[in-house]
Protein backbone atom coordinates (compact mmCIF):
# COMPACT_ATOMS: atom_id res chain seq x y z
CA UNK A 1 235.65 -0.27 -24.62
CA UNK A 2 235.98 3.19 -25.79
CA UNK A 3 238.57 5.70 -25.47
CA UNK A 4 238.10 6.87 -29.20
CA UNK A 5 235.36 8.86 -31.06
CA UNK A 6 232.56 7.05 -32.91
CA UNK A 7 233.28 6.40 -36.57
CA UNK A 8 231.07 6.72 -39.63
CA UNK A 9 230.35 3.25 -40.96
CA UNK A 10 228.31 3.95 -44.09
CA UNK A 11 228.99 5.69 -47.39
CA UNK A 12 226.88 8.75 -47.83
CA UNK A 13 227.91 10.67 -50.93
CA UNK A 14 225.02 12.42 -52.62
CA UNK A 15 225.49 10.42 -55.79
CA UNK A 16 225.37 7.15 -53.87
CA UNK A 17 222.24 8.19 -52.02
CA UNK A 18 220.53 9.18 -55.25
CA UNK A 19 221.35 5.79 -56.69
CA UNK A 20 220.06 4.14 -53.55
CA UNK A 21 216.76 5.96 -53.87
CA UNK A 22 216.41 4.81 -57.45
CA UNK A 23 217.25 1.23 -56.55
CA UNK A 24 214.87 1.35 -53.63
CA UNK A 25 212.06 2.65 -55.75
CA UNK A 26 212.62 -0.22 -58.19
CA UNK A 27 212.54 -2.74 -55.35
CA UNK A 28 209.36 -1.25 -54.00
CA UNK A 29 207.68 -1.40 -57.38
CA UNK A 30 208.63 -5.06 -57.79
CA UNK A 31 207.97 -6.42 -54.32
CA UNK A 32 205.86 -3.90 -52.48
CA UNK A 33 206.86 -1.21 -50.01
CA UNK A 34 209.34 -2.15 -47.33
CA UNK A 35 207.87 -1.80 -43.87
CA UNK A 36 209.78 -1.26 -40.63
CA UNK A 37 207.93 -3.97 -38.69
CA UNK A 38 205.70 -6.86 -39.70
CA UNK A 39 202.10 -5.75 -40.07
CA UNK A 40 200.51 -8.91 -41.40
CA UNK A 41 199.59 -10.27 -38.01
CA UNK A 42 202.09 -13.12 -38.27
CA UNK A 43 204.11 -11.89 -35.31
CA UNK A 44 207.34 -12.55 -37.21
CA UNK A 45 210.37 -11.06 -35.44
CA UNK A 46 212.04 -8.08 -37.13
CA UNK A 47 215.11 -8.51 -39.29
CA UNK A 48 218.25 -6.40 -39.04
CA UNK A 49 221.19 -5.03 -40.96
CA UNK A 50 223.90 -3.56 -38.75
CA UNK A 51 226.32 -0.94 -40.06
CA UNK A 52 228.42 -0.58 -36.90
CA UNK A 53 230.92 -3.19 -35.63
CA UNK A 54 230.18 -2.46 -31.97
CA UNK A 55 226.48 -2.96 -32.58
CA UNK A 56 227.34 -6.11 -34.56
CA UNK A 57 228.91 -7.63 -31.47
CA UNK A 58 225.82 -7.03 -29.36
CA UNK A 59 223.33 -7.96 -32.07
CA UNK A 60 224.70 -11.48 -32.59
CA UNK A 61 224.31 -12.07 -28.84
CA UNK A 62 220.73 -10.80 -28.47
CA UNK A 63 219.05 -11.92 -31.71
CA UNK A 64 218.00 -15.15 -33.31
CA UNK A 65 220.55 -15.73 -36.12
CA UNK A 66 217.68 -15.72 -38.63
CA UNK A 67 216.99 -12.10 -37.71
CA UNK A 68 220.49 -10.95 -38.71
CA UNK A 69 220.57 -10.32 -42.45
CA UNK A 70 224.01 -8.71 -42.46
CA UNK A 71 226.70 -7.21 -40.26
CA UNK A 72 229.15 -4.46 -41.10
CA UNK A 73 232.16 -5.58 -43.12
CA UNK A 74 234.40 -4.54 -40.21
CA UNK A 75 233.33 -7.65 -38.31
CA UNK A 76 235.05 -9.83 -40.90
CA UNK A 77 238.38 -8.04 -40.21
CA UNK A 78 240.24 -10.12 -37.64
CA UNK A 79 242.39 -7.12 -36.71
CA UNK A 80 239.47 -5.00 -35.57
CA UNK A 81 236.44 -7.20 -35.05
CA UNK A 82 234.98 -7.70 -31.59
CA UNK A 83 233.40 -10.95 -32.82
CA UNK A 84 235.20 -14.26 -33.09
CA UNK A 85 235.90 -15.07 -36.78
CA UNK A 86 233.92 -18.32 -36.76
CA UNK A 87 230.86 -16.44 -35.51
CA UNK A 88 231.24 -13.46 -37.86
CA UNK A 89 231.56 -15.80 -40.83
CA UNK A 90 228.09 -17.20 -40.17
CA UNK A 91 226.50 -13.93 -41.23
CA UNK A 92 226.40 -11.87 -44.36
CA UNK A 93 228.14 -8.50 -44.46
CA UNK A 94 227.71 -5.24 -46.32
CA UNK A 95 230.15 -2.56 -47.33
CA UNK A 96 227.75 -0.03 -45.88
CA UNK A 97 226.27 1.32 -49.10
CA UNK A 98 222.61 2.23 -49.23
CA UNK A 99 222.12 0.01 -52.27
CA UNK A 100 223.31 -3.11 -50.44
CA UNK A 101 221.11 -2.43 -47.44
CA UNK A 102 218.02 -1.77 -49.52
CA UNK A 103 218.51 -4.97 -51.48
CA UNK A 104 218.33 -6.96 -48.22
CA UNK A 105 215.04 -5.28 -47.19
CA UNK A 106 215.59 -5.35 -43.41
CA UNK A 107 212.94 -4.20 -40.98
CA UNK A 108 215.46 -2.23 -38.95
CA UNK A 109 218.86 -0.72 -39.79
CA UNK A 110 221.27 -0.31 -36.88
CA UNK A 111 223.79 2.50 -37.24
CA UNK A 112 226.15 4.82 -35.47
CA UNK A 113 224.66 8.11 -34.31
CA UNK A 114 227.12 9.65 -36.78
CA UNK A 115 225.39 8.19 -39.84
CA UNK A 116 225.22 10.85 -42.55
CA UNK A 117 221.87 12.70 -42.65
CA UNK A 118 221.60 12.14 -46.41
CA UNK A 119 221.91 8.38 -46.07
CA UNK A 120 219.52 8.22 -43.15
CA UNK A 121 216.98 10.27 -45.08
CA UNK A 122 217.35 7.87 -48.02
CA UNK A 123 216.48 4.92 -45.81
CA UNK A 124 213.57 6.67 -44.13
CA UNK A 125 212.05 7.82 -47.44
CA UNK A 126 211.86 4.15 -48.35
CA UNK A 127 210.19 3.29 -45.03
CA UNK A 128 213.29 1.65 -43.58
CA UNK A 129 213.40 2.15 -39.85
CA UNK A 130 216.80 3.37 -38.63
CA UNK A 131 217.90 3.03 -35.02
CA UNK A 132 221.10 4.84 -34.04
CA UNK A 133 223.39 4.35 -31.06
CA UNK A 134 226.32 6.33 -29.70
CA UNK A 135 229.60 5.13 -28.21
CA UNK A 136 229.09 4.26 -24.52
CA UNK A 137 231.39 6.05 -22.10
CA UNK A 138 230.42 3.92 -19.10
CA UNK A 139 229.48 0.33 -18.34
CA UNK A 140 225.99 1.48 -17.45
CA UNK A 141 225.57 3.14 -20.85
CA UNK A 142 226.71 -0.09 -22.51
CA UNK A 143 224.23 -2.13 -20.49
CA UNK A 144 221.50 0.27 -21.60
CA UNK A 145 222.42 -0.39 -25.23
CA UNK A 146 222.19 -4.13 -24.65
CA UNK A 147 218.71 -3.74 -23.15
CA UNK A 148 217.54 -1.51 -26.00
CA UNK A 149 218.83 -3.87 -28.69
CA UNK A 150 217.32 -6.90 -26.96
CA UNK A 151 213.97 -5.09 -26.83
CA UNK A 152 214.23 -4.38 -30.56
CA UNK A 153 214.95 -8.03 -31.38
CA UNK A 154 212.33 -9.30 -28.94
CA UNK A 155 214.92 -11.55 -27.29
CA UNK A 156 214.93 -9.93 -23.86
CA UNK A 157 216.08 -13.12 -22.16
CA UNK A 158 219.20 -13.18 -24.34
CA UNK A 159 219.75 -9.56 -23.39
CA UNK A 160 219.47 -10.41 -19.70
CA UNK A 161 221.97 -13.25 -20.14
CA UNK A 162 224.48 -10.90 -21.77
CA UNK A 163 224.00 -8.31 -19.03
CA UNK A 164 224.69 -10.99 -16.42
CA UNK A 165 227.92 -11.90 -18.22
CA UNK A 166 229.03 -8.29 -18.42
CA UNK A 167 228.26 -7.56 -14.79
CA UNK A 168 227.15 -4.17 -13.58
CA UNK A 169 229.77 -3.88 -10.82
CA UNK A 170 231.91 -0.78 -11.37
CA UNK A 171 233.79 -1.03 -8.06
CA UNK A 172 237.30 -2.42 -8.07
CA UNK A 173 237.24 -5.81 -6.42
CA UNK A 174 240.98 -6.24 -6.92
CA UNK A 175 241.93 -2.99 -5.19
CA UNK A 176 239.43 -3.58 -2.40
CA UNK A 177 240.85 -7.02 -1.69
CA UNK A 178 244.51 -5.99 -1.65
CA UNK A 179 244.19 -2.38 -0.54
CA UNK A 180 246.58 -1.35 -3.31
CA UNK A 181 246.22 0.59 -6.54
CA UNK A 182 248.83 0.85 -9.28
CA UNK A 183 249.44 3.48 -11.92
CA UNK A 184 248.80 2.34 -15.48
CA UNK A 185 249.30 4.09 -18.79
CA UNK A 186 247.31 2.75 -21.72
CA UNK A 187 249.28 3.57 -24.85
CA UNK A 188 246.77 3.27 -27.66
CA UNK A 189 247.33 3.12 -31.43
CA UNK A 190 248.99 6.33 -32.56
CA UNK A 191 250.69 6.72 -29.14
CA UNK A 192 247.66 8.44 -27.65
CA UNK A 193 246.07 7.93 -24.24
CA UNK A 194 242.45 7.76 -23.05
CA UNK A 195 240.80 10.28 -20.79
CA UNK A 196 239.25 9.38 -17.48
CA UNK A 197 235.68 9.93 -18.71
CA UNK A 198 235.78 6.95 -21.08
CA UNK A 199 234.68 3.35 -20.92
CA UNK A 200 238.26 2.10 -20.88
CA UNK A 201 239.07 4.66 -18.17
CA UNK A 202 236.32 3.16 -16.07
CA UNK A 203 237.69 -0.30 -16.75
CA UNK A 204 241.14 0.74 -15.54
CA UNK A 205 239.65 1.97 -12.27
CA UNK A 206 237.64 -1.25 -11.93
CA UNK A 207 240.85 -3.28 -12.14
CA UNK A 208 242.46 -1.18 -9.40
CA UNK A 209 244.59 1.08 -11.61
CA UNK A 210 244.97 4.83 -11.60
CA UNK A 211 245.22 6.58 -14.96
CA UNK A 212 248.88 7.61 -15.12
CA UNK A 213 248.26 9.92 -18.06
CA UNK A 214 245.37 11.74 -16.39
CA UNK A 215 247.43 12.20 -13.22
CA UNK A 216 250.00 14.01 -15.38
CA UNK A 217 247.40 16.38 -16.79
CA UNK A 218 246.88 14.55 -20.07
CA UNK A 219 243.43 14.16 -21.57
CA UNK A 220 241.52 12.17 -24.16
CA UNK A 221 243.61 11.36 -27.27
CA UNK A 222 246.68 13.30 -26.10
CA UNK A 223 249.94 12.13 -27.66
CA UNK A 224 252.60 10.59 -25.41
CA UNK A 225 256.17 10.24 -26.64
CA UNK A 226 258.60 7.47 -25.82
CA UNK A 227 260.81 10.04 -24.08
CA UNK A 228 257.95 11.02 -21.75
CA UNK A 229 257.40 7.43 -20.68
CA UNK A 230 261.09 6.75 -20.14
CA UNK A 231 261.38 9.87 -17.99
CA UNK A 232 258.25 9.19 -15.94
CA UNK A 233 257.23 5.54 -16.22
CA UNK A 234 254.04 4.11 -14.68
CA UNK A 235 253.86 0.91 -12.69
CA UNK A 236 252.24 -0.77 -15.70
CA UNK A 237 252.55 0.21 -19.34
CA UNK A 238 249.76 -1.24 -21.51
CA UNK A 239 250.73 -1.14 -25.17
CA UNK A 240 247.89 -1.31 -27.69
CA UNK A 241 249.71 0.03 -30.74
CA UNK A 242 252.69 -0.62 -32.97
CA UNK A 243 254.22 2.81 -33.61
CA UNK A 244 258.01 3.01 -33.53
CA UNK A 245 257.99 4.33 -29.96
CA UNK A 246 255.72 1.54 -28.80
CA UNK A 247 258.07 -1.16 -30.07
CA UNK A 248 261.36 0.50 -29.10
CA UNK A 249 263.98 -1.70 -27.37
CA UNK A 250 264.50 0.95 -24.68
CA UNK A 251 261.18 -0.10 -23.15
CA UNK A 252 262.84 -3.33 -22.09
CA UNK A 253 265.10 -1.32 -19.77
CA UNK A 254 262.29 0.10 -17.62
CA UNK A 255 262.92 -1.13 -14.10
CA UNK A 256 259.95 -1.79 -11.89
CA UNK A 257 257.52 -1.30 -14.77
CA UNK A 258 255.57 -4.14 -16.31
CA UNK A 259 255.23 -3.67 -20.07
CA UNK A 260 252.25 -5.67 -21.29
CA UNK A 261 250.38 -5.97 -24.57
CA UNK A 262 246.74 -4.96 -24.62
CA UNK A 263 244.75 -6.03 -27.67
CA UNK A 264 243.30 -2.95 -29.43
CA UNK A 265 240.14 -4.97 -30.08
CA UNK A 266 239.36 -4.61 -26.38
CA UNK A 267 239.36 -0.82 -26.59
CA UNK A 268 236.64 0.29 -28.90
CA UNK A 269 233.41 -1.47 -28.00
CA UNK A 270 231.35 -2.21 -24.93
CA UNK A 271 228.88 -5.06 -24.64
CA UNK A 272 230.51 -8.51 -24.68
CA UNK A 273 233.97 -6.91 -24.93
CA UNK A 274 233.71 -5.60 -21.37
CA UNK A 275 234.28 -8.90 -19.50
CA UNK A 276 237.14 -9.78 -21.86
CA UNK A 277 238.86 -6.47 -21.16
CA UNK A 278 238.29 -6.85 -17.44
CA UNK A 279 239.83 -10.31 -17.39
CA UNK A 280 242.87 -9.11 -19.34
CA UNK A 281 243.38 -6.23 -16.90
CA UNK A 282 243.07 -8.55 -13.90
CA UNK A 283 245.60 -10.95 -15.45
CA UNK A 284 248.05 -8.07 -15.98
CA UNK A 285 247.52 -6.86 -12.42
CA UNK A 286 248.22 -10.35 -11.08
CA UNK A 287 251.40 -10.60 -13.16
CA UNK A 288 252.59 -7.24 -11.84
CA UNK A 289 251.99 -8.22 -8.23
CA UNK A 290 253.66 -11.59 -8.73
CA UNK A 291 256.78 -10.44 -10.57
CA UNK A 292 257.26 -6.75 -9.81
CA UNK A 293 255.52 -5.45 -6.69
CA UNK A 294 256.54 -8.31 -4.43
CA UNK A 295 260.13 -8.11 -5.69
CA UNK A 296 260.38 -4.53 -4.49
CA UNK A 297 258.40 -4.69 -1.24
């Protein structure tokens, strides 16, 4: 789920790219040119190296494990990965350098749309096919990514299964059933808030919440102080960071406000993260109605 900008996940200094070209040329001279797709008539499925943790999470769901040569090293970090550790540990990882990728000789490299032009050119000069993806701002955009990746792997049925798990419904079932919406402020790492035109903003609406920050004129990545929240608290405060303000004891004194933790890992990616984020939001909504709303109405 994304309320933050896409990150660069690959090193791209000119010196590193030059070294990558040299290494690639040596590989080509030893084992033949690397091709983007099999051309020997064997029909072998393409192999992949992913340089983006959000693409990692989709790739492991829509590919045969033998197709995945390596994921980004971010997927081995339990604090940020959208993949369960036992699954991430089944695959190799790279630090994102061109040399590492070239040594694996994948058919397709998956990367953020913010990959450096120099690094992308290095891959393409060595006949490595690069497919780039942006950060989805809606569920529909995320579903499109799943379809596109499944088409690349050739495992369209796995893609369809993942889409079914995510669910395309963007209407709030919870609000429709109860007729009530509640204000929620998502306090992200760094004490910033998401804008409405984000994936996580859409998820808040789906769970029957209004964006408390947006209603106060705040936009994407605006900073919110502890004093602001104490003076104008929402019905539900979702804390996804650990700054001093976000852990302050004064938050315990907010009356009528549910203060709940929201795992930052549910913020940054779409794909299989979407149903997990939705379930967490529904659980928080249910807790609020059980312990706060009913007590005051």
